Amino acid sequence: MLRLEERMAKALERVNNDRYILSIAVGQRADELSKGAKPLLEQNTQNMKYTDIAIDEIANGLLVIEGLVDKED
């Protein structure tokens, strides 16, 4: 498993380095997980915090964030 800093960097890349969008997405997903949603990760998540699961789901591209548009340079 990667360190938290590495997982956060990967997750930030998925949301065009927008920390605000990432924090909203992680918060919403963590809330869903706390209310019984099934984790999308294939690894054992029993001892993980909801926020860590959400970050990993975003970093691995398993969670699609609606309304996020790729900016063309």
Protein backbone atom coordinates (compact mmCIF):
# COMPACT_ATOMS: atom_id res chain seq x y z
CA MET A 1 0.00 0.00 0.00
CA LEU A 2 1.25 3.46 -0.88
CA ARG A 3 1.82 6.13 1.73
CA LEU A 4 -0.95 8.66 2.26
CA GLU A 5 0.99 11.42 0.49
CA GLU A 6 1.40 9.27 -2.61
CA ARG A 7 -2.28 8.27 -2.63
CA MET A 8 -3.33 11.92 -2.21
CA ALA A 9 -1.08 12.98 -5.10
CA LYS A 10 -2.67 10.36 -7.36
CA ALA A 11 -6.16 11.41 -6.29
CA LEU A 12 -5.34 15.09 -6.90
CA GLU A 13 -4.21 14.25 -10.43
CA ARG A 14 -7.63 12.67 -11.08
CA VAL A 15 -9.40 15.93 -10.18
CA ASN A 16 -7.08 18.29 -12.09
CA ASN A 17 -5.21 19.24 -8.89
CA ASP A 18 -8.28 20.91 -7.43
CA ARG A 19 -8.12 20.37 -3.66
CA TYR A 20 -11.62 21.76 -3.15
CA ILE A 21 -13.23 19.24 -5.50
CA LEU A 22 -11.19 16.43 -3.96
CA SER A 23 -12.20 17.37 -0.41
CA ILE A 24 -15.90 17.54 -1.37
CA ALA A 25 -15.72 14.21 -3.22
CA VAL A 26 -13.90 12.45 -0.36
CA GLY A 27 -16.36 13.83 2.19
CA GLN A 28 -19.40 12.75 0.20
CA ARG A 29 -18.01 9.29 -0.50
CA ALA A 30 -16.97 8.80 3.14
CA ASP A 31 -20.52 9.73 4.16
CA GLU A 32 -21.94 7.16 1.71
CA LEU A 33 -19.59 4.49 3.07
CA SER A 34 -20.56 5.29 6.67
CA LYS A 35 -24.22 4.77 5.71
CA GLY A 36 -23.56 1.31 4.29
CA ALA A 37 -22.33 1.74 0.70
CA LYS A 38 -20.03 -1.06 -0.44
CA PRO A 39 -16.37 -0.10 -1.08
CA LEU A 40 -15.27 -0.34 -4.71
CA LEU A 41 -11.77 -1.51 -3.77
CA GLU A 42 -10.85 -5.16 -4.17
CA GLN A 43 -8.55 -5.12 -1.13
CA ASN A 44 -9.62 -5.77 2.45
CA THR A 45 -11.03 -2.48 3.76
CA GLN A 46 -12.17 -3.70 7.16
CA ASN A 47 -9.48 -1.82 9.10
CA MET A 48 -9.48 1.30 6.91
CA LYS A 49 -11.10 4.64 7.66
CA TYR A 50 -13.88 5.78 5.34
CA THR A 51 -11.83 8.75 4.13
CA ASP A 52 -8.88 6.49 3.25
CA ILE A 53 -11.18 4.20 1.26
CA ALA A 54 -12.62 7.20 -0.60
CA ILE A 55 -9.15 8.58 -1.41
CA ASP A 56 -8.03 5.18 -2.71
CA GLU A 57 -11.16 4.81 -4.84
CA ILE A 58 -10.54 8.19 -6.45
CA ALA A 59 -6.80 7.60 -6.87
CA ASN A 60 -7.44 4.25 -8.60
CA GLY A 61 -10.05 5.74 -10.91
CA LEU A 62 -12.86 3.61 -9.48
CA LEU A 63 -14.98 6.59 -8.50
CA VAL A 64 -16.15 9.00 -11.20
CA ILE A 65 -16.74 12.56 -10.06
CA GLU A 66 -19.63 14.09 -11.97
CA GLY A 67 -19.27 17.59 -13.30
CA LEU A 68 -15.50 17.34 -13.59
CA VAL A 69 -14.38 18.49 -17.04
CA ASP A 70 -10.88 18.04 -18.39
CA LYS A 71 -9.31 21.41 -19.10
CA GLU A 72 -7.52 21.64 -22.41
CA ASP A 73 -4.27 23.60 -22.44
